[in-house]
C-alpha cells in the first residue's frame, strides 16, 4: 500500500551522512488504511525503516492518519501545518522532529 511504499522510498533515500547528522529514531503511530506502528531509524549505522516498533527506543513518536502521513512525505502537506491543525501529534524531542522535516 501507499504507506509501505512511502517507507520503501525513505529507505532508498537514506545516506550515511544523513544518519550521522540526524542521530534520531522516529516512531509513527498511523491510523486508518495501512496504519499501525512504523519507524525510521536514523541513529543505527546505515539507517533503516520498517513496520513495528523500532529496534531501539524512539526519540520522537508521531501520531497521525496514514493518509496524512503519505501526503506529508509526498510534499502535499507541510508538517508544520499538519502539527498546527492538529493532524499531527508529536511526543518527544521536537528538535529532532524538525530535523526530519528538513529531510522531507
C-alpha atoms as a PDB file:
ATOM      1  CA  UNK A   1       0.000   0.000   0.000  1.00  0.00           C
ATOM      2  CA  UNK A   2       0.937   3.688  -0.112  1.00  0.00           C
ATOM      3  CA  UNK A   3       2.322   3.687   3.458  1.00  0.00           C
ATOM      4  CA  UNK A   4       4.660   0.722   2.827  1.00  0.00           C
ATOM      5  CA  UNK A   5       5.691   2.300  -0.481  1.00  0.00           C
ATOM      6  CA  UNK A   6       6.499   5.602   1.266  1.00  0.00           C
ATOM      7  CA  UNK A   7       8.732   3.806   3.787  1.00  0.00           C
ATOM      8  CA  UNK A   8      10.455   1.963   0.903  1.00  0.00           C
ATOM      9  CA  UNK A   9      11.229   5.300  -0.757  1.00  0.00           C
ATOM     10  CA  UNK A  10      12.524   6.753   2.538  1.00  0.00           C
ATOM     11  CA  UNK A  11      14.779   3.702   2.991  1.00  0.00           C
ATOM     12  CA  UNK A  12      16.154   4.208  -0.525  1.00  0.00           C
ATOM     13  CA  UNK A  13      16.843   7.905   0.094  1.00  0.00           C
ATOM     14  CA  UNK A  14      18.839   7.361   3.294  1.00  0.00           C
ATOM     15  CA  UNK A  15      22.521   8.226   3.333  1.00  0.00           C
ATOM     16  CA  UNK A  16      25.216   7.577   5.936  1.00  0.00           C
ATOM     17  CA  UNK A  17      25.713  11.334   6.140  1.00  0.00           C
ATOM     18  CA  UNK A  18      22.048  11.878   6.896  1.00  0.00           C
ATOM     19  CA  UNK A  19      22.099   9.224   9.623  1.00  0.00           C
ATOM     20  CA  UNK A  20      25.231  10.816  11.097  1.00  0.00           C
ATOM     21  CA  UNK A  21      23.758  14.323  11.110  1.00  0.00           C
ATOM     22  CA  UNK A  22      20.316  13.331  12.443  1.00  0.00           C
ATOM     23  CA  UNK A  23      21.014  10.717  15.123  1.00  0.00           C
ATOM     24  CA  UNK A  24      17.373  10.088  15.932  1.00  0.00           C
ATOM     25  CA  UNK A  25      14.781   7.317  15.897  1.00  0.00           C
ATOM     26  CA  UNK A  26      11.258   8.213  14.812  1.00  0.00           C
ATOM     27  CA  UNK A  27       8.210   6.103  15.554  1.00  0.00           C
ATOM     28  CA  UNK A  28       4.959   6.664  13.660  1.00  0.00           C
ATOM     29  CA  UNK A  29       1.577   5.639  15.047  1.00  0.00           C
ATOM     30  CA  UNK A  30      -0.613   5.677  11.957  1.00  0.00           C
ATOM     31  CA  UNK A  31      -4.372   5.242  11.960  1.00  0.00           C
ATOM     32  CA  UNK A  32      -6.519   4.133   9.025  1.00  0.00           C
ATOM     33  CA  UNK A  33      -5.550   2.227   5.885  1.00  0.00           C
ATOM     34  CA  UNK A  34      -2.105   0.632   6.060  1.00  0.00           C
ATOM     35  CA  UNK A  35      -1.660   2.076   9.528  1.00  0.00           C
ATOM     36  CA  UNK A  36      -0.053   0.637  12.618  1.00  0.00           C
ATOM     37  CA  UNK A  37       3.360   1.250  14.126  1.00  0.00           C
ATOM     38  CA  UNK A  38       6.202   2.119  11.727  1.00  0.00           C
ATOM     39  CA  UNK A  39       9.658   3.568  12.301  1.00  0.00           C
ATOM     40  CA  UNK A  40      12.563   5.418  10.729  1.00  0.00           C
ATOM     41  CA  UNK A  41      15.888   4.703  12.437  1.00  0.00           C
ATOM     42  CA  UNK A  42      18.395   7.467  11.710  1.00  0.00           C
ATOM     43  CA  UNK A  43      20.728   6.512  14.544  1.00  0.00           C
ATOM     44  CA  UNK A  44      21.953   2.974  13.843  1.00  0.00           C
ATOM     45  CA  UNK A  45      24.621   2.519  11.164  1.00  0.00           C
ATOM     46  CA  UNK A  46      23.176   2.932   7.684  1.00  0.00           C
ATOM     47  CA  UNK A  47      19.704   3.710   8.997  1.00  0.00           C
ATOM     48  CA  UNK A  48      16.584   1.635   8.459  1.00  0.00           C
ATOM     49  CA  UNK A  49      12.818   1.814   8.211  1.00  0.00           C
ATOM     50  CA  UNK A  50      10.175  -0.764   8.889  1.00  0.00           C
ATOM     51  CA  UNK A  51       6.888  -1.940  10.297  1.00  0.00           C
ATOM     52  CA  UNK A  52       6.553  -2.428  14.044  1.00  0.00           C
ATOM     53  CA  UNK A  53       8.464  -0.982  16.969  1.00  0.00           C
ATOM     54  CA  UNK A  54      11.941   0.418  16.220  1.00  0.00           C
ATOM     55  CA  UNK A  55      14.955  -1.735  17.253  1.00  0.00           C
ATOM     56  CA  UNK A  56      15.917   0.909  19.824  1.00  0.00           C
ATOM     57  CA  UNK A  57      13.730   3.290  21.842  1.00  0.00           C
ATOM     58  CA  UNK A  58      12.249   6.080  19.711  1.00  0.00           C
ATOM     59  CA  UNK A  59      13.309   9.672  20.394  1.00  0.00           C
ATOM     60  CA  UNK A  60      10.186  11.037  18.733  1.00  0.00           C
ATOM     61  CA  UNK A  61       6.720   9.487  18.415  1.00  0.00           C
ATOM     62  CA  UNK A  62       4.414  10.977  15.798  1.00  0.00           C
ATOM     63  CA  UNK A  63       0.724  10.133  15.589  1.00  0.00           C
ATOM     64  CA  UNK A  64      -1.372  10.866  12.516  1.00  0.00           C
ATOM     65  CA  UNK A  65      -3.582   9.236   9.915  1.00  0.00           C
ATOM     66  CA  UNK A  66      -1.862   7.125   7.282  1.00  0.00           C
ATOM     67  CA  UNK A  67      -3.401   9.329   4.546  1.00  0.00           C
ATOM     68  CA  UNK A  68      -1.869  12.472   6.084  1.00  0.00           C
ATOM     69  CA  UNK A  69       1.458  10.666   6.527  1.00  0.00           C
ATOM     70  CA  UNK A  70       1.611   9.870   2.810  1.00  0.00           C
ATOM     71  CA  UNK A  71       0.607  13.465   1.955  1.00  0.00           C
ATOM     72  CA  UNK A  72       3.320  14.799   4.241  1.00  0.00           C
ATOM     73  CA  UNK A  73       6.072  12.665   2.719  1.00  0.00           C
ATOM     74  CA  UNK A  74       4.969  13.404  -0.835  1.00  0.00           C
ATOM     75  CA  UNK A  75       5.079  17.139  -0.152  1.00  0.00           C
ATOM     76  CA  UNK A  76       1.310  17.731  -0.313  1.00  0.00           C
ATOM     77  CA  UNK A  77       1.048  18.536   3.394  1.00  0.00           C
ATOM     78  CA  UNK A  78       3.541  20.689   5.270  1.00  0.00           C
ATOM     79  CA  UNK A  79       4.492  19.082   8.625  1.00  0.00           C
ATOM     80  CA  UNK A  80       4.235  22.435  10.441  1.00  0.00           C
ATOM     81  CA  UNK A  81       0.710  22.948   9.085  1.00  0.00           C
ATOM     82  CA  UNK A  82      -0.258  19.371   9.987  1.00  0.00           C
ATOM     83  CA  UNK A  83       1.002  19.957  13.534  1.00  0.00           C
ATOM     84  CA  UNK A  84      -0.721  23.355  13.909  1.00  0.00           C
ATOM     85  CA  UNK A  85      -4.031  21.997  12.638  1.00  0.00           C
ATOM     86  CA  UNK A  86      -3.914  19.012  14.994  1.00  0.00           C
ATOM     87  CA  UNK A  87      -3.479  16.405  12.254  1.00  0.00           C
ATOM     88  CA  UNK A  88      -0.054  15.535  13.618  1.00  0.00           C
ATOM     89  CA  UNK A  89       0.763  14.890  17.279  1.00  0.00           C
ATOM     90  CA  UNK A  90       4.384  14.781  18.387  1.00  0.00           C
ATOM     91  CA  UNK A  91       5.772  13.355  21.616  1.00  0.00           C
ATOM     92  CA  UNK A  92       9.448  13.573  22.493  1.00  0.00           C
ATOM     93  CA  UNK A  93      12.318  15.557  21.034  1.00  0.00           C
ATOM     94  CA  UNK A  94      10.921  18.471  18.990  1.00  0.00           C
ATOM     95  CA  UNK A  95      14.360  19.483  17.691  1.00  0.00           C
ATOM     96  CA  UNK A  96      14.719  16.026  16.113  1.00  0.00           C
ATOM     97  CA  UNK A  97      11.210  16.282  14.684  1.00  0.00           C
ATOM     98  CA  UNK A  98      12.306  19.483  12.934  1.00  0.00           C
ATOM     99  CA  UNK A  99      15.392  17.726  11.554  1.00  0.00           C
ATOM    100  CA  UNK A 100      13.113  15.122   9.999  1.00  0.00           C
ATOM    101  CA  UNK A 101      11.087  17.912   8.373  1.00  0.00           C
ATOM    102  CA  UNK A 102      14.263  19.037   6.564  1.00  0.00           C
ATOM    103  CA  UNK A 103      14.634  15.531   5.139  1.00  0.00           C
ATOM    104  CA  UNK A 104      11.150  15.765   3.642  1.00  0.00           C
END
